[in-house]
Protein backbone atom coordinates (compact mmCIF):
# COMPACT_ATOMS: atom_id res chain seq x y z
CA UNK A 1 80.32 122.02 128.76
CA UNK A 2 78.91 121.21 125.33
CA UNK A 3 80.76 121.74 122.09
CA UNK A 4 79.94 124.70 119.92
CA UNK A 5 77.63 123.75 117.02
CA UNK A 6 80.16 125.08 114.50
CA UNK A 7 82.86 122.78 115.92
CA UNK A 8 80.53 119.78 115.74
CA UNK A 9 79.69 120.59 112.11
CA UNK A 10 83.40 120.82 111.22
CA UNK A 11 84.09 117.43 112.80
CA UNK A 12 81.20 115.85 110.89
CA UNK A 13 82.37 117.48 107.64
CA UNK A 14 85.89 116.11 108.16
CA UNK A 15 84.52 112.63 108.69
CA UNK A 16 82.32 112.91 105.62
CA UNK A 17 85.28 114.10 103.54
CA UNK A 18 87.20 110.98 104.56
CA UNK A 19 84.18 108.79 103.79
CA UNK A 20 83.70 110.44 100.37
CA UNK A 21 87.38 109.95 99.51
CA UNK A 22 87.19 106.33 100.70
CA UNK A 23 84.74 105.55 97.89
CA UNK A 24 87.43 106.37 95.30
CA UNK A 25 89.86 103.74 96.62
CA UNK A 26 92.96 105.95 96.66
CA UNK A 27 92.30 107.83 93.43
CA UNK A 28 92.77 111.59 93.35
CA UNK A 29 89.47 113.47 93.60
CA UNK A 30 89.05 117.03 92.35
CA UNK A 31 87.59 119.77 94.50
CA UNK A 32 84.50 120.14 92.34
CA UNK A 33 83.79 116.39 92.48
CA UNK A 34 84.31 116.35 96.24
CA UNK A 35 81.97 119.33 96.54
CA UNK A 36 79.27 117.41 94.63
CA UNK A 37 79.81 114.29 96.74
CA UNK A 38 79.41 116.29 99.96
CA UNK A 39 76.36 118.12 98.62
CA UNK A 40 74.80 114.75 97.79
CA UNK A 41 75.51 113.69 101.38
CA UNK A 42 73.50 116.69 102.63
CA UNK A 43 76.22 119.25 103.30
CA UNK A 44 75.75 122.87 102.32
CA UNK A 45 79.41 123.83 102.00
CA UNK A 46 81.57 125.62 99.48
CA UNK A 47 85.00 124.80 98.11
CA UNK A 48 86.86 127.22 100.44
CA UNK A 49 85.31 125.39 103.44
CA UNK A 50 86.22 122.01 101.95
CA UNK A 51 89.75 123.25 101.27
CA UNK A 52 90.19 124.34 104.91
CA UNK A 53 89.01 121.00 106.24
CA UNK A 54 91.13 119.06 103.74
CA UNK A 55 94.15 121.10 104.85
CA UNK A 56 93.34 120.21 108.47
CA UNK A 57 93.10 116.52 107.53
CA UNK A 58 96.36 116.76 105.56
CA UNK A 59 98.18 118.31 108.53
CA UNK A 60 97.06 115.34 110.62
CA UNK A 61 98.21 112.87 107.96
CA UNK A 62 94.79 111.63 106.85
CA UNK A 63 94.67 113.23 103.39
CA UNK A 64 97.16 113.99 100.64
CA UNK A 65 96.54 117.11 98.59
CA UNK A 66 97.88 118.67 95.44
CA UNK A 67 97.08 121.82 93.49
CA UNK A 68 96.06 121.38 89.89
CA UNK A 69 97.83 124.66 89.03
CA UNK A 70 94.58 126.00 87.67
CA UNK A 71 92.44 128.79 89.03
CA UNK A 72 88.70 129.01 88.68
CA UNK A 73 86.84 132.11 89.82
CA UNK A 74 89.79 133.07 92.01
CA UNK A 75 89.95 129.73 93.84
CA UNK A 76 92.84 127.33 93.64
CA UNK A 77 91.43 124.05 92.50
CA UNK A 78 92.93 121.11 94.37
CA UNK A 79 92.80 117.35 94.41
CA UNK A 80 92.76 115.09 97.45
CA UNK A 81 92.93 111.43 98.40
CA UNK A 82 92.96 109.44 101.61
CA UNK A 83 96.12 108.04 103.14
CA UNK A 84 96.55 104.64 104.76
CA UNK A 85 96.15 106.39 108.13
CA UNK A 86 92.67 107.57 107.04
CA UNK A 87 91.72 104.05 106.02
CA UNK A 88 92.83 102.73 109.40
CA UNK A 89 90.72 105.38 111.14
CA UNK A 90 87.65 104.56 109.03
CA UNK A 91 88.08 100.83 109.66
CA UNK A 92 88.52 101.37 113.40
CA UNK A 93 92.06 99.92 113.41
CA UNK A 94 93.36 102.96 115.30
CA UNK A 95 91.82 105.00 118.12
CA UNK A 96 89.21 107.62 117.25
CA UNK A 97 90.47 111.10 116.49
CA UNK A 98 88.67 113.74 118.62
CA UNK A 99 88.78 116.20 115.70
CA UNK A 100 86.85 113.91 113.33
CA UNK A 101 83.37 112.45 113.62
CA UNK A 102 82.76 109.28 111.61
CA UNK A 103 79.26 107.92 111.37
CA UNK A 104 77.49 105.28 109.30
């Protein structure tokens, strides 16, 4: 049975979030910057979608998140950065995670 297209897209987005955060070498990245990075990578997503996937990645220990205590157009603006666990996943030092698709 094949995966639902929506599930595949979420997995790719999660991988691309990790790859985008990798570029910053552990620095905190704001939601708006992350949105622009993902748009440049070809994603057509919005901050609420990015927030949901970052929360998923945070629950699995791949991303740290913090609120900036500021609201813009009704959205909580957040910042994110990769953890060491994310770096290990990207480098292939740990087994693949079935919920994340990493590609070159």
